[in-house]
PDB file of N, CA and C in Angstrom:
ATOM      1  N   MET A   1       0.825  -1.190   0.000  1.00  0.00           N
ATOM      2  CA  MET A   1       0.000   0.000   0.000  1.00  0.00           C
ATOM      3  C   MET A   1       0.869   1.255   0.000  1.00  0.00           C
ATOM      4  N   ARG A   2       1.889   1.270   0.851  1.00  0.00           N
ATOM      5  CA  ARG A   2       2.765   2.424   0.961  1.00  0.00           C
ATOM      6  C   ARG A   2       3.486   2.674  -0.375  1.00  0.00           C
ATOM      7  N   LYS A   3       3.912   1.584  -1.031  1.00  0.00           N
ATOM      8  CA  LYS A   3       4.592   1.709  -2.312  1.00  0.00           C
ATOM      9  C   LYS A   3       3.649   2.295  -3.365  1.00  0.00           C
ATOM     10  N   ALA A   4       2.399   1.887  -3.354  1.00  0.00           N
ATOM     11  CA  ALA A   4       1.412   2.397  -4.310  1.00  0.00           C
ATOM     12  C   ALA A   4       1.211   3.903  -4.135  1.00  0.00           C
ATOM     13  N   VAL A   5       1.192   4.380  -2.901  1.00  0.00           N
ATOM     14  CA  VAL A   5       1.022   5.809  -2.634  1.00  0.00           C
ATOM     15  C   VAL A   5       2.209   6.585  -3.205  1.00  0.00           C
ATOM     16  N   TRP A   6       3.427   6.063  -3.010  1.00  0.00           N
ATOM     17  CA  TRP A   6       4.617   6.734  -3.534  1.00  0.00           C
ATOM     18  C   TRP A   6       4.606   6.766  -5.063  1.00  0.00           C
ATOM     19  N   VAL A   7       4.176   5.691  -5.682  1.00  0.00           N
ATOM     20  CA  VAL A   7       4.108   5.643  -7.145  1.00  0.00           C
ATOM     21  C   VAL A   7       3.107   6.674  -7.653  1.00  0.00           C
ATOM     22  N   ILE A   8       1.953   6.763  -7.010  1.00  0.00           N
ATOM     23  CA  ILE A   8       0.939   7.740  -7.412  1.00  0.00           C
ATOM     24  C   ILE A   8       1.464   9.164  -7.240  1.00  0.00           C
ATOM     25  N   MET A   9       2.131   9.421  -6.133  1.00  0.00           N
ATOM     26  CA  MET A   9       2.682  10.757  -5.892  1.00  0.00           C
ATOM     27  C   MET A   9       3.757  11.091  -6.927  1.00  0.00           C
ATOM     28  N   ALA A  10       4.610  10.118  -7.265  1.00  0.00           N
ATOM     29  CA  ALA A  10       5.666  10.352  -8.250  1.00  0.00           C
ATOM     30  C   ALA A  10       5.070  10.649  -9.622  1.00  0.00           C
ATOM     31  N   VAL A  11       4.055   9.922 -10.017  1.00  0.00           N
ATOM     32  CA  VAL A  11       3.397  10.148 -11.309  1.00  0.00           C
ATOM     33  C   VAL A  11       2.733  11.526 -11.329  1.00  0.00           C
ATOM     34  N   ALA A  12       2.048  11.873 -10.255  1.00  0.00           N
ATOM     35  CA  ALA A  12       1.380  13.169 -10.179  1.00  0.00           C
ATOM     36  C   ALA A  12       2.395  14.310 -10.237  1.00  0.00           C
ATOM     37  N   LEU A  13       3.496  14.168  -9.517  1.00  0.00           N
ATOM     38  CA  LEU A  13       4.518  15.204  -9.504  1.00  0.00           C
ATOM     39  C   LEU A  13       5.173  15.355 -10.874  1.00  0.00           C
ATOM     40  N   SER A  14       5.470  14.236 -11.529  1.00  0.00           N
ATOM     41  CA  SER A  14       6.084  14.322 -12.854  1.00  0.00           C
ATOM     42  C   SER A  14       5.122  14.964 -13.847  1.00  0.00           C
ATOM     43  N   GLY A  15       3.831  14.691 -13.733  1.00  0.00           N
ATOM     44  CA  GLY A  15       2.838  15.326 -14.597  1.00  0.00           C
ATOM     45  C   GLY A  15       2.760  16.816 -14.347  1.00  0.00           C
ATOM     46  N   LEU A  16       2.857  17.220 -13.094  1.00  0.00           N
ATOM     47  CA  LEU A  16       2.831  18.629 -12.742  1.00  0.00           C
ATOM     48  C   LEU A  16       4.055  19.345 -13.305  1.00  0.00           C
ATOM     49  N   ILE A  17       5.221  18.738 -13.153  1.00  0.00           N
ATOM     50  CA  ILE A  17       6.452  19.338 -13.666  1.00  0.00           C
ATOM     51  C   ILE A  17       6.391  19.425 -15.182  1.00  0.00           C
ATOM     52  N   TYR A  18       5.960  18.353 -15.851  1.00  0.00           N
ATOM     53  CA  TYR A  18       5.864  18.352 -17.307  1.00  0.00           C
ATOM     54  C   TYR A  18       4.863  19.402 -17.770  1.00  0.00           C
ATOM     55  N   GLY A  19       3.745  19.475 -17.117  1.00  0.00           N
ATOM     56  CA  GLY A  19       2.719  20.449 -17.485  1.00  0.00           C
ATOM     57  C   GLY A  19       3.206  21.872 -17.317  1.00  0.00           C
ATOM     58  N   CYS A  20       3.968  22.142 -16.279  1.00  0.00           N
ATOM     59  CA  CYS A  20       4.472  23.490 -16.033  1.00  0.00           C
ATOM     60  C   CYS A  20       5.559  23.878 -17.020  1.00  0.00           C
ATOM     61  N   SER A  21       6.240  22.908 -17.592  1.00  0.00           N
ATOM     62  CA  SER A  21       7.326  23.235 -18.506  1.00  0.00           C
ATOM     63  C   SER A  21       6.811  23.607 -19.888  1.00  0.00           C
ATOM     64  N   LYS A  22       5.564  23.304 -20.177  1.00  0.00           N
ATOM     65  CA  LYS A  22       4.993  23.623 -21.477  1.00  0.00           C
ATOM     66  C   LYS A  22       4.186  24.917 -21.355  1.00  0.00           C
ATOM     67  N   VAL A  23       4.874  26.043 -21.423  1.00  0.00           N
ATOM     68  CA  VAL A  23       4.222  27.337 -21.295  1.00  0.00           C
ATOM     69  C   VAL A  23       3.766  27.795 -22.673  1.00  0.00           C
ATOM     70  N   VAL A  24       2.495  28.100 -22.796  1.00  0.00           N
ATOM     71  CA  VAL A  24       1.959  28.613 -24.044  1.00  0.00           C
ATOM     72  C   VAL A  24       1.882  30.126 -23.921  1.00  0.00           C
ATOM     73  N   GLN A  25       2.520  30.820 -24.844  1.00  0.00           N
ATOM     74  CA  GLN A  25       2.546  32.276 -24.787  1.00  0.00           C
ATOM     75  C   GLN A  25       1.497  32.839 -25.729  1.00  0.00           C
ATOM     76  N   THR A  26       0.637  33.675 -25.199  1.00  0.00           N
ATOM     77  CA  THR A  26      -0.416  34.296 -25.978  1.00  0.00           C
ATOM     78  C   THR A  26       0.168  35.454 -26.786  1.00  0.00           C
ATOM     79  N   PRO A  27      -0.096  35.488 -28.093  1.00  0.00           N
ATOM     80  CA  PRO A  27       0.416  36.590 -28.908  1.00  0.00           C
ATOM     81  C   PRO A  27      -0.182  37.928 -28.481  1.00  0.00           C
ATOM     82  N   VAL A  28       0.635  38.959 -28.527  1.00  0.00           N
ATOM     83  CA  VAL A  28       0.216  40.312 -28.196  1.00  0.00           C
ATOM     84  C   VAL A  28       0.126  41.098 -29.506  1.00  0.00           C
ATOM     85  N   SER A  29      -0.947  41.845 -29.690  1.00  0.00           N
ATOM     86  CA  SER A  29      -1.093  42.675 -30.889  1.00  0.00           C
ATOM     87  C   SER A  29      -0.321  43.972 -30.700  1.00  0.00           C
ATOM     88  N   THR A  30       0.873  44.028 -31.252  1.00  0.00           N
ATOM     89  CA  THR A  30       1.732  45.212 -31.171  1.00  0.00           C
ATOM     90  C   THR A  30       2.747  45.155 -32.299  1.00  0.00           C
ATOM     91  N   ASP A  31       3.338  46.296 -32.603  1.00  0.00           N
ATOM     92  CA  ASP A  31       4.387  46.325 -33.625  1.00  0.00           C
ATOM     93  C   ASP A  31       5.738  46.701 -33.021  1.00  0.00           C
ATOM     94  N   LYS A  32       5.838  46.626 -31.697  1.00  0.00           N
ATOM     95  CA  LYS A  32       7.084  46.976 -31.007  1.00  0.00           C
ATOM     96  C   LYS A  32       7.538  45.838 -30.091  1.00  0.00           C
ATOM     97  N   VAL A  33       8.836  45.529 -30.150  1.00  0.00           N
ATOM     98  CA  VAL A  33       9.432  44.499 -29.313  1.00  0.00           C
ATOM     99  C   VAL A  33      10.671  45.101 -28.640  1.00  0.00           C
ATOM    100  N   MET A  34      10.764  44.929 -27.337  1.00  0.00           N
ATOM    101  CA  MET A  34      11.938  45.388 -26.595  1.00  0.00           C
ATOM    102  C   MET A  34      12.895  44.208 -26.434  1.00  0.00           C
ATOM    103  N   ILE A  35      14.184  44.467 -26.616  1.00  0.00           N
ATOM    104  CA  ILE A  35      15.210  43.457 -26.398  1.00  0.00           C
ATOM    105  C   ILE A  35      15.809  43.759 -25.024  1.00  0.00           C
ATOM    106  N   THR A  36      15.612  42.842 -24.086  1.00  0.00           N
ATOM    107  CA  THR A  36      16.088  43.036 -22.722  1.00  0.00           C
ATOM    108  C   THR A  36      17.068  41.934 -22.354  1.00  0.00           C
ATOM    109  N   GLU A  37      17.659  42.047 -21.182  1.00  0.00           N
ATOM    110  CA  GLU A  37      18.590  41.001 -20.730  1.00  0.00           C
ATOM    111  C   GLU A  37      17.874  39.681 -20.471  1.00  0.00           C
ATOM    112  N   LYS A  38      16.549  39.729 -20.328  1.00  0.00           N
ATOM    113  CA  LYS A  38      15.776  38.511 -20.063  1.00  0.00           C
ATOM    114  C   LYS A  38      15.110  37.947 -21.305  1.00  0.00           C
ATOM    115  N   GLY A  39      15.255  38.621 -22.440  1.00  0.00           N
ATOM    116  CA  GLY A  39      14.660  38.127 -23.677  1.00  0.00           C
ATOM    117  C   GLY A  39      13.880  39.199 -24.403  1.00  0.00           C
ATOM    118  N   PHE A  40      13.085  38.765 -25.366  1.00  0.00           N
ATOM    119  CA  PHE A  40      12.264  39.672 -26.152  1.00  0.00           C
ATOM    120  C   PHE A  40      10.940  39.914 -25.430  1.00  0.00           C
ATOM    121  N   VAL A  41      10.515  41.170 -25.374  1.00  0.00           N
ATOM    122  CA  VAL A  41       9.280  41.532 -24.663  1.00  0.00           C
ATOM    123  C   VAL A  41       8.409  42.374 -25.584  1.00  0.00           C
ATOM    124  N   PRO A  42       7.236  41.869 -25.957  1.00  0.00           N
ATOM    125  CA  PRO A  42       6.711  40.525 -25.698  1.00  0.00           C
ATOM    126  C   PRO A  42       7.378  39.492 -26.615  1.00  0.00           C
ATOM    127  N   PRO A  43       7.397  38.233 -26.183  1.00  0.00           N
ATOM    128  CA  PRO A  43       8.083  37.202 -26.969  1.00  0.00           C
ATOM    129  C   PRO A  43       7.315  36.756 -28.215  1.00  0.00           C
ATOM    130  N   VAL A  44       6.001  36.909 -28.209  1.00  0.00           N
ATOM    131  CA  VAL A  44       5.178  36.515 -29.356  1.00  0.00           C
ATOM    132  C   VAL A  44       4.225  37.668 -29.662  1.00  0.00           C
ATOM    133  N   ILE A  45       4.302  38.148 -30.924  1.00  0.00           N
ATOM    134  CA  ILE A  45       3.398  39.230 -31.315  1.00  0.00           C
ATOM    135  C   ILE A  45       2.593  38.822 -32.536  1.00  0.00           C
ATOM    136  N   ARG A  46       1.464  39.525 -32.726  1.00  0.00           N
ATOM    137  CA  ARG A  46       0.606  39.299 -33.899  1.00  0.00           C
ATOM    138  C   ARG A  46       0.446  40.639 -34.603  1.00  0.00           C
ATOM    139  N   VAL A  47       0.696  40.635 -35.925  1.00  0.00           N
ATOM    140  CA  VAL A  47       0.532  41.837 -36.736  1.00  0.00           C
ATOM    141  C   VAL A  47      -0.180  41.471 -38.036  1.00  0.00           C
ATOM    142  N   SER A  48      -0.638  42.474 -38.761  1.00  0.00           N
ATOM    143  CA  SER A  48      -1.256  42.285 -40.073  1.00  0.00           C
ATOM    144  C   SER A  48      -0.190  42.408 -41.154  1.00  0.00           C
ATOM    145  N   VAL A  49      -0.454  41.791 -42.312  1.00  0.00           N
ATOM    146  CA  VAL A  49       0.440  41.910 -43.461  1.00  0.00           C
ATOM    147  C   VAL A  49       0.652  43.390 -43.760  1.00  0.00           C
ATOM    148  N   GLY A  50       1.895  43.767 -44.033  1.00  0.00           N
ATOM    149  CA  GLY A  50       2.218  45.155 -44.343  1.00  0.00           C
ATOM    150  C   GLY A  50       2.687  45.959 -43.150  1.00  0.00           C
ATOM    151  N   THR A  51       2.653  45.346 -41.958  1.00  0.00           N
ATOM    152  CA  THR A  51       3.078  46.036 -40.740  1.00  0.00           C
ATOM    153  C   THR A  51       4.602  46.042 -40.638  1.00  0.00           C
ATOM    154  N   THR A  52       5.144  47.180 -40.214  1.00  0.00           N
ATOM    155  CA  THR A  52       6.566  47.282 -39.925  1.00  0.00           C
ATOM    156  C   THR A  52       6.753  47.099 -38.426  1.00  0.00           C
ATOM    157  N   VAL A  53       7.526  46.088 -38.054  1.00  0.00           N
ATOM    158  CA  VAL A  53       7.798  45.804 -36.645  1.00  0.00           C
ATOM    159  C   VAL A  53       9.125  46.459 -36.273  1.00  0.00           C
ATOM    160  N   THR A  54       9.154  47.054 -35.078  1.00  0.00           N
ATOM    161  CA  THR A  54      10.366  47.701 -34.573  1.00  0.00           C
ATOM    162  C   THR A  54      10.870  46.975 -33.345  1.00  0.00           C
ATOM    163  N   TRP A  55      12.139  46.583 -33.368  1.00  0.00           N
ATOM    164  CA  TRP A  55      12.806  46.013 -32.204  1.00  0.00           C
ATOM    165  C   TRP A  55      13.723  47.092 -31.640  1.00  0.00           C
ATOM    166  N   GLU A  56      13.710  47.286 -30.325  1.00  0.00           N
ATOM    167  CA  GLU A  56      14.586  48.258 -29.696  1.00  0.00           C
ATOM    168  C   GLU A  56      15.426  47.579 -28.634  1.00  0.00           C
ATOM    169  N   ASN A  57      16.732  47.831 -28.674  1.00  0.00           N
ATOM    170  CA  ASN A  57      17.638  47.254 -27.687  1.00  0.00           C
ATOM    171  C   ASN A  57      17.539  48.064 -26.398  1.00  0.00           C
ATOM    172  N   ALA A  58      16.844  47.503 -25.407  1.00  0.00           N
ATOM    173  CA  ALA A  58      16.669  48.154 -24.108  1.00  0.00           C
ATOM    174  C   ALA A  58      17.662  47.607 -23.084  1.00  0.00           C
ATOM    175  N   ASP A  59      18.629  46.844 -23.549  1.00  0.00           N
ATOM    176  CA  ASP A  59      19.646  46.258 -22.677  1.00  0.00           C
ATOM    177  C   ASP A  59      20.898  47.140 -22.695  1.00  0.00           C
ATOM    178  N   THR A  60      21.841  46.829 -21.821  1.00  0.00           N
ATOM    179  CA  THR A  60      23.111  47.564 -21.789  1.00  0.00           C
ATOM    180  C   THR A  60      24.171  46.882 -22.653  1.00  0.00           C
ATOM    181  N   LYS A  61      23.818  45.716 -23.220  1.00  0.00           N
ATOM    182  CA  LYS A  61      24.742  44.962 -24.071  1.00  0.00           C
ATOM    183  C   LYS A  61      24.241  44.977 -25.511  1.00  0.00           C
ATOM    184  N   PRO A  62      25.139  44.764 -26.478  1.00  0.00           N
ATOM    185  CA  PRO A  62      24.694  44.687 -27.873  1.00  0.00           C
ATOM    186  C   PRO A  62      23.913  43.394 -28.138  1.00  0.00           C
ATOM    187  N   HIS A  63      23.046  43.455 -29.116  1.00  0.00           N
ATOM    188  CA  HIS A  63      22.266  42.297 -29.553  1.00  0.00           C
ATOM    189  C   HIS A  63      22.206  42.330 -31.079  1.00  0.00           C
ATOM    190  N   ALA A  64      21.859  41.212 -31.682  1.00  0.00           N
ATOM    191  CA  ALA A  64      21.651  41.125 -33.126  1.00  0.00           C
ATOM    192  C   ALA A  64      20.551  40.106 -33.363  1.00  0.00           C
ATOM    193  N   ILE A  65      19.529  40.476 -34.109  1.00  0.00           N
ATOM    194  CA  ILE A  65      18.430  39.542 -34.352  1.00  0.00           C
ATOM    195  C   ILE A  65      18.396  39.154 -35.823  1.00  0.00           C
ATOM    196  N   TRP A  66      17.986  37.935 -36.062  1.00  0.00           N
ATOM    197  CA  TRP A  66      17.910  37.427 -37.423  1.00  0.00           C
ATOM    198  C   TRP A  66      16.768  36.434 -37.541  1.00  0.00           C
ATOM    199  N   CYS A  67      16.307  36.263 -38.775  1.00  0.00           N
ATOM    200  CA  CYS A  67      15.186  35.347 -39.031  1.00  0.00           C
ATOM    201  C   CYS A  67      15.393  34.698 -40.390  1.00  0.00           C
ATOM    202  N   GLN A  68      15.244  33.382 -40.427  1.00  0.00           N
ATOM    203  CA  GLN A  68      15.279  32.663 -41.697  1.00  0.00           C
ATOM    204  C   GLN A  68      13.879  32.626 -42.279  1.00  0.00           C
ATOM    205  N   ARG A  69      13.807  32.492 -43.585  1.00  0.00           N
ATOM    206  CA  ARG A  69      12.503  32.285 -44.231  1.00  0.00           C
ATOM    207  C   ARG A  69      11.944  30.957 -43.746  1.00  0.00           C
ATOM    208  N   PRO A  70      10.636  30.864 -43.540  1.00  0.00           N
ATOM    209  CA  PRO A  70      10.046  29.589 -43.092  1.00  0.00           C
ATOM    210  C   PRO A  70      10.437  28.449 -44.034  1.00  0.00           C
ATOM    211  N   GLY A  71      10.869  27.343 -43.450  1.00  0.00           N
ATOM    212  CA  GLY A  71      11.256  26.168 -44.220  1.00  0.00           C
ATOM    213  C   GLY A  71      12.698  26.179 -44.704  1.00  0.00           C
ATOM    214  N   ALA A  72      13.411  27.282 -44.493  1.00  0.00           N
ATOM    215  CA  ALA A  72      14.802  27.360 -44.935  1.00  0.00           C
ATOM    216  C   ALA A  72      15.684  26.485 -44.059  1.00  0.00           C
ATOM    217  N   THR A  73      16.743  25.964 -44.640  1.00  0.00           N
ATOM    218  CA  THR A  73      17.612  25.067 -43.881  1.00  0.00           C
ATOM    219  C   THR A  73      19.011  25.622 -43.659  1.00  0.00           C
ATOM    220  N   SER A  74      19.344  26.724 -44.299  1.00  0.00           N
ATOM    221  CA  SER A  74      20.671  27.295 -44.085  1.00  0.00           C
ATOM    222  C   SER A  74      20.635  28.802 -44.289  1.00  0.00           C
ATOM    223  N   GLU A  75      21.650  29.455 -43.802  1.00  0.00           N
ATOM    224  CA  GLU A  75      21.780  30.889 -44.021  1.00  0.00           C
ATOM    225  C   GLU A  75      23.103  31.130 -44.731  1.00  0.00           C
ATOM    226  N   PRO A  76      23.422  32.227 -45.323  1.00  0.00           N
ATOM    227  CA  PRO A  76      22.659  33.478 -45.352  1.00  0.00           C
ATOM    228  C   PRO A  76      21.662  33.570 -46.496  1.00  0.00           C
ATOM    229  N   ILE A  77      21.703  32.620 -47.432  1.00  0.00           N
ATOM    230  CA  ILE A  77      20.832  32.693 -48.608  1.00  0.00           C
ATOM    231  C   ILE A  77      19.360  32.811 -48.225  1.00  0.00           C
ATOM    232  N   PHE A  78      18.967  32.119 -47.187  1.00  0.00           N
ATOM    233  CA  PHE A  78      17.558  32.060 -46.837  1.00  0.00           C
ATOM    234  C   PHE A  78      17.158  33.008 -45.711  1.00  0.00           C
ATOM    235  N   LEU A  79      17.994  34.021 -45.440  1.00  0.00           N
ATOM    236  CA  LEU A  79      17.651  34.973 -44.395  1.00  0.00           C
ATOM    237  C   LEU A  79      16.489  35.853 -44.836  1.00  0.00           C
ATOM    238  N   LEU A  80      15.540  36.033 -43.938  1.00  0.00           N
ATOM    239  CA  LEU A  80      14.452  36.986 -44.168  1.00  0.00           C
ATOM    240  C   LEU A  80      14.940  38.363 -43.745  1.00  0.00           C
ATOM    241  N   PHE A  81      15.596  38.417 -42.566  1.00  0.00           N
ATOM    242  CA  PHE A  81      16.222  39.661 -42.135  1.00  0.00           C
ATOM    243  C   PHE A  81      17.352  39.391 -41.162  1.00  0.00           C
ATOM    244  N   ASP A  82      18.237  40.381 -41.047  1.00  0.00           N
ATOM    245  CA  ASP A  82      19.357  40.354 -40.109  1.00  0.00           C
ATOM    246  C   ASP A  82      19.600  41.795 -39.687  1.00  0.00           C
ATOM    247  N   SER A  83      19.455  42.081 -38.402  1.00  0.00           N
ATOM    248  CA  SER A  83      19.576  43.454 -37.910  1.00  0.00           C
ATOM    249  C   SER A  83      21.011  43.959 -37.889  1.00  0.00           C
ATOM    250  N   GLY A  84      21.971  43.041 -37.900  1.00  0.00           N
ATOM    251  CA  GLY A  84      23.334  43.460 -37.628  1.00  0.00           C
ATOM    252  C   GLY A  84      23.432  43.806 -36.147  1.00  0.00           C
ATOM    253  N   LYS A  85      24.557  44.290 -35.734  1.00  0.00           N
ATOM    254  CA  LYS A  85      24.789  44.601 -34.314  1.00  0.00           C
ATOM    255  C   LYS A  85      23.958  45.818 -33.894  1.00  0.00           C
ATOM    256  N   LEU A  86      23.150  45.621 -32.841  1.00  0.00           N
ATOM    257  CA  LEU A  86      22.345  46.708 -32.271  1.00  0.00           C
ATOM    258  C   LEU A  86      22.931  47.088 -30.921  1.00  0.00           C
ATOM    259  N   LEU A  87      23.460  48.272 -30.831  1.00  0.00           N
ATOM    260  CA  LEU A  87      23.967  48.775 -29.560  1.00  0.00           C
ATOM    261  C   LEU A  87      22.801  49.227 -28.686  1.00  0.00           C
ATOM    262  N   PRO A  88      23.037  49.446 -27.392  1.00  0.00           N
ATOM    263  CA  PRO A  88      21.950  49.902 -26.519  1.00  0.00           C
ATOM    264  C   PRO A  88      21.232  51.123 -27.112  1.00  0.00           C
ATOM    265  N   LYS A  89      19.907  51.092 -27.028  1.00  0.00           N
ATOM    266  CA  LYS A  89      18.981  52.135 -27.504  1.00  0.00           C
ATOM    267  C   LYS A  89      18.813  52.182 -29.018  1.00  0.00           C
ATOM    268  N   GLU A  90      19.550  51.349 -29.770  1.00  0.00           N
ATOM    269  CA  GLU A  90      19.369  51.327 -31.222  1.00  0.00           C
ATOM    270  C   GLU A  90      18.140  50.512 -31.578  1.00  0.00           C
ATOM    271  N   LYS A  91      17.579  50.808 -32.763  1.00  0.00           N
ATOM    272  CA  LYS A  91      16.373  50.133 -33.234  1.00  0.00           C
ATOM    273  C   LYS A  91      16.615  49.486 -34.585  1.00  0.00           C
ATOM    274  N   PHE A  92      15.803  48.454 -34.845  1.00  0.00           N
ATOM    275  CA  PHE A  92      15.797  47.785 -36.144  1.00  0.00           C
ATOM    276  C   PHE A  92      14.348  47.630 -36.561  1.00  0.00           C
ATOM    277  N   LYS A  93      14.059  47.891 -37.843  1.00  0.00           N
ATOM    278  CA  LYS A  93      12.696  47.775 -38.353  1.00  0.00           C
ATOM    279  C   LYS A  93      12.659  46.820 -39.534  1.00  0.00           C
ATOM    280  N   PHE A  94      11.542  46.069 -39.614  1.00  0.00           N
ATOM    281  CA  PHE A  94      11.337  45.165 -40.745  1.00  0.00           C
ATOM    282  C   PHE A  94       9.854  45.138 -41.081  1.00  0.00           C
ATOM    283  N   LYS A  95       9.550  45.242 -42.390  1.00  0.00           N
ATOM    284  CA  LYS A  95       8.161  45.205 -42.862  1.00  0.00           C
ATOM    285  C   LYS A  95       7.811  43.780 -43.295  1.00  0.00           C
ATOM    286  N   PHE A  96       6.767  43.223 -42.687  1.00  0.00           N
ATOM    287  CA  PHE A  96       6.314  41.870 -43.007  1.00  0.00           C
ATOM    288  C   PHE A  96       5.293  41.930 -44.140  1.00  0.00           C
ATOM    289  N   THR A  97       5.608  41.268 -45.256  1.00  0.00           N
ATOM    290  CA  THR A  97       4.752  41.322 -46.443  1.00  0.00           C
ATOM    291  C   THR A  97       4.073  39.991 -46.764  1.00  0.00           C
ATOM    292  N   GLU A  98       4.313  38.979 -45.923  1.00  0.00           N
ATOM    293  CA  GLU A  98       3.727  37.649 -46.148  1.00  0.00           C
ATOM    294  C   GLU A  98       3.027  37.160 -44.888  1.00  0.00           C
ATOM    295  N   VAL A  99       1.961  36.392 -45.065  1.00  0.00           N
ATOM    296  CA  VAL A  99       1.289  35.738 -43.944  1.00  0.00           C
ATOM    297  C   VAL A  99       2.155  34.573 -43.482  1.00  0.00           C
ATOM    298  N   GLY A 100       2.208  34.344 -42.168  1.00  0.00           N
ATOM    299  CA  GLY A 100       2.951  33.205 -41.640  1.00  0.00           C
ATOM    300  C   GLY A 100       3.434  33.435 -40.222  1.00  0.00           C
ATOM    301  N   GLN A 101       4.152  32.445 -39.705  1.00  0.00           N
ATOM    302  CA  GLN A 101       4.782  32.549 -38.387  1.00  0.00           C
ATOM    303  C   GLN A 101       6.280  32.623 -38.605  1.00  0.00           C
ATOM    304  N   PHE A 102       6.886  33.672 -38.060  1.00  0.00           N
ATOM    305  CA  PHE A 102       8.296  33.921 -38.277  1.00  0.00           C
ATOM    306  C   PHE A 102       9.020  33.918 -36.938  1.00  0.00           C
ATOM    307  N   ARG A 103       9.845  32.900 -36.736  1.00  0.00           N
ATOM    308  CA  ARG A 103      10.607  32.785 -35.488  1.00  0.00           C
ATOM    309  C   ARG A 103      11.955  33.454 -35.699  1.00  0.00           C
ATOM    310  N   TYR A 104      12.291  34.368 -34.813  1.00  0.00           N
ATOM    311  CA  TYR A 104      13.570  35.064 -34.918  1.00  0.00           C
ATOM    312  C   TYR A 104      14.417  34.755 -33.693  1.00  0.00           C
ATOM    313  N   ARG A 105      15.718  34.989 -33.829  1.00  0.00           N
ATOM    314  CA  ARG A 105      16.666  34.646 -32.761  1.00  0.00           C
ATOM    315  C   ARG A 105      17.661  35.777 -32.543  1.00  0.00           C
ATOM    316  N   ASN A 106      18.367  35.657 -31.430  1.00  0.00           N
ATOM    317  CA  ASN A 106      19.422  36.590 -31.099  1.00  0.00           C
ATOM    318  C   ASN A 106      20.759  35.926 -31.441  1.00  0.00           C
ATOM    319  N   ARG A 107      21.570  36.578 -32.264  1.00  0.00           N
ATOM    320  CA  ARG A 107      22.861  35.993 -32.663  1.00  0.00           C
ATOM    321  C   ARG A 107      23.816  35.799 -31.501  1.00  0.00           C
ATOM    322  N   TYR A 108      23.763  36.667 -30.519  1.00  0.00           N
ATOM    323  CA  TYR A 108      24.718  36.621 -29.414  1.00  0.00           C
ATOM    324  C   TYR A 108      24.262  35.736 -28.259  1.00  0.00           C
ATOM    325  N   TYR A 109      22.978  35.509 -28.150  1.00  0.00           N
ATOM    326  CA  TYR A 109      22.433  34.715 -27.040  1.00  0.00           C
ATOM    327  C   TYR A 109      21.459  33.692 -27.617  1.00  0.00           C
ATOM    328  N   ASP A 110      21.939  32.464 -27.802  1.00  0.00           N
ATOM    329  CA  ASP A 110      21.157  31.411 -28.466  1.00  0.00           C
ATOM    330  C   ASP A 110      19.810  31.122 -27.813  1.00  0.00           C
ATOM    331  N   TRP A 111      19.703  31.335 -26.520  1.00  0.00           N
ATOM    332  CA  TRP A 111      18.469  31.006 -25.811  1.00  0.00           C
ATOM    333  C   TRP A 111      17.363  32.027 -26.082  1.00  0.00           C
ATOM    334  N   MET A 112      17.695  33.162 -26.670  1.00  0.00           N
ATOM    335  CA  MET A 112      16.704  34.215 -26.924  1.00  0.00           C
ATOM    336  C   MET A 112      16.042  33.997 -28.282  1.00  0.00           C
ATOM    337  N   SER A 113      14.727  33.873 -28.255  1.00  0.00           N
ATOM    338  CA  SER A 113      13.988  33.797 -29.519  1.00  0.00           C
ATOM    339  C   SER A 113      12.610  34.401 -29.316  1.00  0.00           C
ATOM    340  N   GLY A 114      12.005  34.752 -30.425  1.00  0.00           N
ATOM    341  CA  GLY A 114      10.657  35.314 -30.401  1.00  0.00           C
ATOM    342  C   GLY A 114       9.939  34.927 -31.675  1.00  0.00           C
ATOM    343  N   THR A 115       8.668  35.253 -31.761  1.00  0.00           N
ATOM    344  CA  THR A 115       7.866  34.898 -32.916  1.00  0.00           C
ATOM    345  C   THR A 115       6.975  36.057 -33.329  1.00  0.00           C
ATOM    346  N   VAL A 116       6.913  36.281 -34.627  1.00  0.00           N
ATOM    347  CA  VAL A 116       5.958  37.238 -35.184  1.00  0.00           C
ATOM    348  C   VAL A 116       4.946  36.431 -35.980  1.00  0.00           C
ATOM    349  N   ILE A 117       3.674  36.557 -35.633  1.00  0.00           N
ATOM    350  CA  ILE A 117       2.594  35.901 -36.353  1.00  0.00           C
ATOM    351  C   ILE A 117       1.940  36.962 -37.232  1.00  0.00           C
ATOM    352  N   VAL A 118       2.004  36.743 -38.552  1.00  0.00           N
ATOM    353  CA  VAL A 118       1.473  37.712 -39.502  1.00  0.00           C
ATOM    354  C   VAL A 118       0.174  37.156 -40.095  1.00  0.00           C
ATOM    355  N   THR A 119      -0.880  37.947 -39.976  1.00  0.00           N
ATOM    356  CA  THR A 119      -2.203  37.546 -40.469  1.00  0.00           C
ATOM    357  C   THR A 119      -2.706  38.545 -41.503  1.00  0.00           C
ATOM    358  N   ARG A 120      -3.773  38.192 -42.183  1.00  0.00           N
ATOM    359  CA  ARG A 120      -4.392  39.100 -43.169  1.00  0.00           C
ATOM    360  C   ARG A 120      -5.238  40.133 -42.488  1.00  0.00           C
TER     361      ARG A 120
END
């Protein structure tokens, strides 16, 4: 009986941990993204086709963001955009002309990524 209780508790705890690790981020309707030491804020945005999105480096360190075309397997041929080095307070703008989900990354910090969802 005691062993069964421990097994149930272990299964419940592992389910709780697994469930908590799958965070779903709700897209925010905005055309501005701040680059901070903790990541992109907001990390997922939704815009309409034709919108120009602005990223601003709000950190004290340089950052560089880039995005491959959806389905691309290598760069630089398949780059959708590359901001180059952004020093603190510098901005980068890109106009989205296609519908889709575009995941972008930070060249200097691999763990930093964000998504732009473009709709009609």
